[in-house]
Amino acid sequence: MRVLVLVAPGQGAQTPGFLTPWLDLPGVADRLRAWSDAIDLDLVHYGTNADADEIRDTAVAQPLLVASALLSAGQLFPSGAELAARVGAVAGHSVGELAAAALTGVLSEEEAMRLVRKRGLAMAEAAAVTETGMAALLGGEADVVLPHLEKLGLTPANVNGAGQIVAAGTAQQLAALAEDKPEGTRRVVPLKVAGAFHTHHMAPAVSALESAVAELAPAAPHTRYVSNKDGAVVAGGPEVVARLVGQVANPVRWDLCMETFKELGVTAMIEAAPGGTLVGLAKRALPGVTTLALKTPDDLDAARALIAEHAGLDAAPAE
């Protein structure tokens, strides 16, 4: 049996101009402008002409990333029915979970875009209270790294597997980490984000999102939806949305998501644009799994070939 999983990247994956080549595809510019009008944010400008500092803004980066994932995945799976027939599971890293919710039919695309806009604004407001940030620790064993972070007052905000843990906390705490790395850690790399996401610093954003989702009527996912909270396959739409809200202030367990992929028998992974980060983790944590990152439309033909090889019209439904 062959199983294809589709994943969507999180914040920090964005780069200046990354949406530019996608706008040449039929219908993409119109969809992006419609979403821009719906959320009062010029996604075309920010995805093509804005500089690195502008798209580092949480309120901008998050809608851009969800839009990019939806646009790129839509080139491969024009309908939910086609995705459900060919994909064994869908997941997103952090804000990528909102793209996953739309791709699996829990939310409409416009609902996901409106919600991610509110999420980005709420998290940016929470991040402005104290100067905070995040840094990736490359290498090192979890049983050494985690106690070291606790000693410094930092939170393991992303446990990504493949020897990568992302620490989050105040600027002072991150500076102390740079000076005092855990034993076995090769590098500490500051991330292109503007706050300590998935920590207690984001508690005010949780309250804002609880209000934002109150009137939604989420549907059950038509394809297995794998949650960042614990790697569980979530079958109920309201439960998916509740997890999306709570996840803002709780650690991302991408390591457990990849463990679930293993249990499902994954043989191939496609990462929606701007792809690369999650494929990199999978190459180390999921040996033998064929991976492909969508970076530009030039990658679409290879992705279609991968789908033809690893996905039939009998993908298992959500459980």
Protein backbone atom coordinates (compact mmCIF):
# COMPACT_ATOMS: atom_id res chain seq x y z
CA MET A 1 0.00 0.00 0.00
CA ARG A 2 1.20 3.49 -0.82
CA VAL A 3 0.13 6.51 1.22
CA LEU A 4 0.61 10.16 0.28
CA VAL A 5 0.48 12.91 2.91
CA LEU A 6 0.05 16.61 2.17
CA VAL A 7 1.53 19.15 4.59
CA ALA A 8 1.52 22.95 4.88
CA PRO A 9 4.45 24.95 6.34
CA GLY A 10 4.40 27.38 9.24
CA GLN A 11 5.63 30.87 9.94
CA GLY A 12 9.23 31.57 9.02
CA ALA A 13 8.94 29.79 5.66
CA GLN A 14 8.08 33.03 3.85
CA THR A 15 10.67 34.87 1.72
CA PRO A 16 10.36 38.14 -0.23
CA GLY A 17 8.57 37.67 -3.55
CA PHE A 18 7.74 34.01 -3.01
CA LEU A 19 4.24 34.34 -4.47
CA THR A 20 5.38 36.09 -7.66
CA PRO A 21 5.66 33.03 -9.96
CA TRP A 22 2.33 31.62 -8.77
CA LEU A 23 0.48 34.72 -10.00
CA ASP A 24 1.22 33.71 -13.60
CA LEU A 25 -1.10 30.70 -13.29
CA PRO A 26 -4.70 31.08 -14.48
CA GLY A 27 -7.09 32.29 -11.80
CA VAL A 28 -4.49 32.64 -9.04
CA ALA A 29 -4.30 36.44 -9.07
CA ASP A 30 -8.11 36.70 -8.98
CA ARG A 31 -8.37 34.36 -5.97
CA LEU A 32 -5.63 36.24 -4.15
CA ARG A 33 -7.33 39.59 -4.79
CA ALA A 34 -10.67 38.22 -3.59
CA TRP A 35 -9.09 37.02 -0.35
CA SER A 36 -7.29 40.36 -0.02
CA ASP A 37 -10.63 42.17 -0.18
CA ALA A 38 -12.19 39.75 2.29
CA ILE A 39 -9.53 40.27 4.95
CA ASP A 40 -8.47 43.85 4.15
CA LEU A 41 -4.84 42.94 3.45
CA ASP A 42 -3.08 43.32 0.09
CA LEU A 43 -1.76 39.78 -0.31
CA VAL A 44 -0.57 40.47 -3.85
CA HIS A 45 1.69 43.28 -2.68
CA TYR A 46 3.03 41.43 0.33
CA GLY A 47 3.61 38.25 -1.65
CA THR A 48 5.46 39.96 -4.49
CA ASN A 49 6.96 43.36 -3.64
CA ALA A 50 7.28 43.53 0.16
CA ASP A 51 10.67 43.16 1.81
CA ALA A 52 11.71 40.67 4.47
CA ASP A 53 10.87 42.97 7.39
CA GLU A 54 7.36 43.66 6.09
CA ILE A 55 6.50 39.98 5.72
CA ARG A 56 8.07 39.12 9.06
CA ASP A 57 5.12 40.94 10.65
CA THR A 58 2.95 38.20 12.16
CA ALA A 59 -0.26 39.84 10.97
CA VAL A 60 1.05 39.68 7.39
CA ALA A 61 3.05 36.45 7.36
CA GLN A 62 0.26 34.19 8.61
CA PRO A 63 -2.37 35.05 5.95
CA LEU A 64 0.32 34.94 3.26
CA LEU A 65 1.38 31.43 4.22
CA VAL A 66 -2.16 30.04 4.36
CA ALA A 67 -2.98 31.66 1.01
CA SER A 68 0.16 30.20 -0.56
CA ALA A 69 -0.58 26.71 0.73
CA LEU A 70 -4.16 26.83 -0.56
CA LEU A 71 -3.16 28.20 -3.95
CA SER A 72 -0.35 25.72 -4.54
CA ALA A 73 -2.24 22.67 -3.26
CA GLY A 74 -5.21 23.73 -5.37
CA GLN A 75 -3.12 23.31 -8.50
CA LEU A 76 -2.73 19.60 -7.67
CA PHE A 77 -6.15 18.93 -6.15
CA PRO A 78 -8.77 21.21 -7.74
CA SER A 79 -11.56 19.85 -5.52
CA GLY A 80 -11.99 18.38 -2.09
CA ALA A 81 -13.25 15.16 -3.65
CA GLU A 82 -10.06 14.74 -5.66
CA LEU A 83 -7.89 15.44 -2.62
CA ALA A 84 -9.88 12.95 -0.55
CA ALA A 85 -9.46 10.31 -3.23
CA ARG A 86 -5.70 10.68 -3.51
CA VAL A 87 -4.35 11.87 -0.16
CA GLY A 88 -4.10 9.66 2.92
CA ALA A 89 -3.61 12.46 5.49
CA VAL A 90 -3.20 16.22 5.73
CA ALA A 91 -1.40 18.27 8.39
CA GLY A 92 0.00 21.76 8.81
CA HIS A 93 2.76 23.10 11.01
CA SER A 94 1.46 25.82 13.34
CA VAL A 95 -0.40 28.34 11.14
CA GLY A 96 -0.29 25.72 8.39
CA GLU A 97 -3.00 23.93 10.38
CA LEU A 98 -5.50 26.50 9.13
CA ALA A 99 -4.59 25.63 5.56
CA ALA A 100 -4.99 21.95 6.46
CA ALA A 101 -8.44 22.69 7.89
CA ALA A 102 -9.52 24.29 4.61
CA LEU A 103 -7.93 21.60 2.45
CA THR A 104 -9.82 18.88 4.36
CA GLY A 105 -13.13 20.75 4.17
CA VAL A 106 -13.43 21.62 7.87
CA LEU A 107 -13.55 25.30 6.92
CA SER A 108 -14.14 27.03 3.59
CA GLU A 109 -11.14 28.78 2.09
CA GLU A 110 -12.61 32.18 2.89
CA GLU A 111 -13.37 31.13 6.47
CA ALA A 112 -9.77 29.98 6.87
CA MET A 113 -8.45 33.24 5.45
CA ARG A 114 -10.67 35.35 7.71
CA LEU A 115 -9.67 33.29 10.73
CA VAL A 116 -5.95 33.41 9.98
CA ARG A 117 -6.17 37.19 9.59
CA LYS A 118 -7.71 37.43 13.08
CA ARG A 119 -5.14 34.94 14.39
CA GLY A 120 -2.23 36.94 13.00
CA LEU A 121 -3.53 40.23 14.38
CA ALA A 122 -4.23 38.73 17.82
CA MET A 123 -0.81 37.08 18.02
CA ALA A 124 0.93 40.25 16.86
CA GLU A 125 -0.86 42.19 19.59
CA ALA A 126 0.11 39.61 22.21
CA ALA A 127 3.71 39.63 20.98
CA ALA A 128 3.90 43.42 21.34
CA VAL A 129 3.48 43.25 25.12
CA THR A 130 7.01 41.92 25.72
CA GLU A 131 9.99 41.59 23.37
CA THR A 132 9.99 37.89 22.60
CA GLY A 133 11.12 35.53 19.86
CA MET A 134 12.05 32.00 18.87
CA ALA A 135 15.22 30.12 17.98
CA ALA A 136 15.81 26.65 16.54
CA LEU A 137 18.27 24.35 18.26
CA LEU A 138 19.89 22.01 15.76
CA GLY A 139 21.24 18.76 17.11
CA GLY A 140 21.27 17.54 20.69
CA GLU A 141 19.16 15.00 22.51
CA ALA A 142 15.74 15.96 23.87
CA ASP A 143 16.55 14.66 27.36
CA VAL A 144 19.45 17.13 27.47
CA VAL A 145 17.91 20.05 25.58
CA LEU A 146 14.56 20.23 27.38
CA PRO A 147 15.94 20.54 30.95
CA HIS A 148 18.43 23.15 29.70
CA LEU A 149 15.60 25.25 28.23
CA GLU A 150 13.65 24.97 31.46
CA LYS A 151 16.69 26.18 33.40
CA LEU A 152 16.81 29.29 31.20
CA GLY A 153 13.06 29.91 31.49
CA LEU A 154 12.44 29.06 27.84
CA THR A 155 9.57 26.99 26.39
CA PRO A 156 10.06 24.18 23.84
CA ALA A 157 7.46 25.74 21.54
CA ASN A 158 8.04 23.38 18.60
CA VAL A 159 9.24 19.83 19.11
CA ASN A 160 9.92 19.08 15.46
CA GLY A 161 11.73 15.76 15.61
CA ALA A 162 14.81 14.99 13.52
CA GLY A 163 17.04 16.64 16.12
CA GLN A 164 15.28 20.02 16.06
CA ILE A 165 13.57 21.79 18.95
CA VAL A 166 12.47 25.42 18.77
CA ALA A 167 12.79 27.47 21.95
CA ALA A 168 10.63 30.50 22.65
CA GLY A 169 10.80 33.21 25.27
CA THR A 170 11.97 36.73 25.97
CA ALA A 171 14.81 38.38 24.09
CA GLN A 172 16.93 38.18 27.25
CA GLN A 173 16.29 34.46 27.64
CA LEU A 174 17.14 33.80 23.99
CA ALA A 175 20.36 35.80 24.34
CA ALA A 176 21.30 33.62 27.30
CA LEU A 177 20.64 30.53 25.19
CA ALA A 178 22.93 31.79 22.43
CA GLU A 179 25.69 32.14 25.01
CA ASP A 180 24.96 28.84 26.74
CA LYS A 181 23.89 26.12 24.29
CA PRO A 182 22.83 22.70 25.56
CA GLU A 183 25.47 20.01 25.29
CA GLY A 184 25.38 18.38 21.86
CA THR A 185 23.58 21.27 20.15
CA ARG A 186 25.42 22.31 16.99
CA ARG A 187 23.75 25.66 16.38
CA VAL A 188 21.11 28.02 17.72
CA VAL A 189 19.36 29.77 14.80
CA PRO A 190 17.05 32.78 15.40
CA LEU A 191 13.79 32.43 13.48
CA LYS A 192 12.06 35.00 11.26
CA VAL A 193 9.13 35.44 13.61
CA ALA A 194 8.05 38.32 15.79
CA GLY A 195 7.05 36.65 19.03
CA ALA A 196 7.18 33.67 21.38
CA PHE A 197 4.43 31.70 19.67
CA HIS A 198 2.94 28.56 21.23
CA THR A 199 3.78 29.73 24.75
CA HIS A 200 1.97 31.43 27.63
CA HIS A 201 2.87 34.77 26.02
CA MET A 202 0.09 34.06 23.49
CA ALA A 203 -2.72 33.56 26.04
CA PRO A 204 -4.50 36.81 25.03
CA ALA A 205 -4.67 35.57 21.43
CA VAL A 206 -6.47 32.41 22.55
CA SER A 207 -9.29 34.49 24.00
CA ALA A 208 -9.56 36.53 20.80
CA LEU A 209 -9.76 33.39 18.66
CA GLU A 210 -12.39 31.81 20.90
CA SER A 211 -14.63 34.75 20.06
CA ALA A 212 -13.70 34.58 16.36
CA VAL A 213 -14.75 30.94 15.94
CA ALA A 214 -17.99 31.15 17.91
CA GLU A 215 -20.17 31.52 14.82
CA LEU A 216 -18.40 28.97 12.61
CA ALA A 217 -20.09 25.67 11.71
CA PRO A 218 -17.09 23.44 10.92
CA ALA A 219 -17.62 20.24 8.94
CA ALA A 220 -16.02 16.87 9.57
CA PRO A 221 -12.75 16.52 7.62
CA HIS A 222 -13.12 14.48 4.43
CA THR A 223 -9.48 13.33 4.74
CA ARG A 224 -7.50 12.36 7.84
CA TYR A 225 -6.53 15.55 9.68
CA VAL A 226 -3.44 15.11 11.88
CA SER A 227 -3.26 17.56 14.79
CA ASN A 228 -0.20 19.43 16.09
CA LYS A 229 -1.41 19.01 19.66
CA ASP A 230 -0.53 15.33 19.95
CA GLY A 231 -0.32 13.84 16.45
CA ALA A 232 -3.85 12.46 16.75
CA VAL A 233 -6.14 11.97 13.77
CA VAL A 234 -9.13 14.22 14.53
CA ALA A 235 -12.46 13.23 12.99
CA GLY A 236 -14.77 16.03 14.19
CA GLY A 237 -14.89 19.52 12.73
CA PRO A 238 -15.63 21.31 16.03
CA GLU A 239 -12.73 19.44 17.66
CA VAL A 240 -10.38 20.51 14.86
CA VAL A 241 -11.36 24.15 15.39
CA ALA A 242 -11.04 23.90 19.18
CA ARG A 243 -7.54 22.55 18.72
CA LEU A 244 -6.68 25.36 16.28
CA VAL A 245 -7.60 27.88 18.97
CA GLY A 246 -5.77 26.21 21.85
CA GLN A 247 -2.67 25.48 19.80
CA VAL A 248 -1.78 29.18 19.66
CA ALA A 249 -0.52 29.00 23.26
CA ASN A 250 0.66 25.37 23.35
CA PRO A 251 3.68 23.59 21.87
CA VAL A 252 3.62 22.22 18.32
CA ARG A 253 4.36 18.49 18.39
CA TRP A 254 5.41 17.95 14.80
CA ASP A 255 7.47 14.98 15.97
CA LEU A 256 4.23 13.24 16.95
CA CYS A 257 2.61 14.18 13.64
CA MET A 258 5.46 12.42 11.83
CA GLU A 259 5.05 9.40 14.11
CA THR A 260 1.41 9.25 13.01
CA PHE A 261 2.50 9.43 9.36
CA LYS A 262 4.68 6.39 10.03
CA GLU A 263 1.78 4.52 11.61
CA LEU A 264 -0.36 5.31 8.56
CA GLY A 265 2.31 3.83 6.31
CA VAL A 266 3.33 7.04 4.55
CA THR A 267 5.37 6.48 1.40
CA ALA A 268 5.39 10.03 -0.01
CA MET A 269 5.00 13.60 1.23
CA ILE A 270 4.23 16.80 -0.65
CA GLU A 271 4.76 20.12 1.12
CA ALA A 272 2.67 23.03 -0.15
CA ALA A 273 4.34 26.33 -1.01
CA PRO A 274 6.54 27.81 0.29
CA GLY A 275 7.83 24.29 0.81
CA GLY A 276 11.16 23.06 2.12
CA THR A 277 11.16 23.16 5.93
CA LEU A 278 8.89 20.18 6.59
CA VAL A 279 10.43 18.15 3.78
CA GLY A 280 13.82 18.75 5.41
CA LEU A 281 12.55 17.34 8.70
CA ALA A 282 10.96 14.37 6.95
CA LYS A 283 14.16 13.47 5.14
CA ARG A 284 15.82 12.94 8.51
CA ALA A 285 12.89 11.52 10.49
CA LEU A 286 11.11 9.48 7.79
CA PRO A 287 13.84 7.65 5.89
CA GLY A 288 12.63 5.95 2.75
CA VAL A 289 9.71 8.35 2.27
CA THR A 290 9.75 10.16 -1.07
CA THR A 291 9.41 13.92 -0.52
CA LEU A 292 8.71 16.94 -2.70
CA ALA A 293 8.54 20.62 -1.76
CA LEU A 294 6.46 23.02 -3.84
CA LYS A 295 8.56 26.13 -4.18
CA THR A 296 7.46 27.45 -7.60
CA PRO A 297 5.05 26.27 -10.31
CA ASP A 298 8.03 24.55 -11.93
CA ASP A 299 7.62 21.86 -9.24
CA LEU A 300 4.04 21.00 -10.18
CA ASP A 301 4.81 18.44 -12.90
CA ALA A 302 7.07 16.48 -10.55
CA ALA A 303 4.36 16.65 -7.88
CA ARG A 304 1.76 15.30 -10.29
CA ALA A 305 4.08 12.43 -11.17
CA LEU A 306 4.55 11.69 -7.47
CA ILE A 307 0.79 11.71 -6.92
CA ALA A 308 0.29 9.30 -9.81
CA GLU A 309 2.88 6.93 -8.32
CA HIS A 310 1.85 7.07 -4.66
CA ALA A 311 -1.86 7.84 -4.64
CA GLY A 312 -4.73 5.93 -6.16
CA LEU A 313 -8.43 6.53 -6.10
CA ASP A 314 -8.78 4.51 -2.91
CA ALA A 315 -7.19 6.70 -0.26
CA ALA A 316 -8.64 5.90 3.15
CA PRO A 317 -11.28 8.31 4.46
CA ALA A 318 -10.99 10.28 7.68
CA GLU A 319 -11.46 8.19 10.79
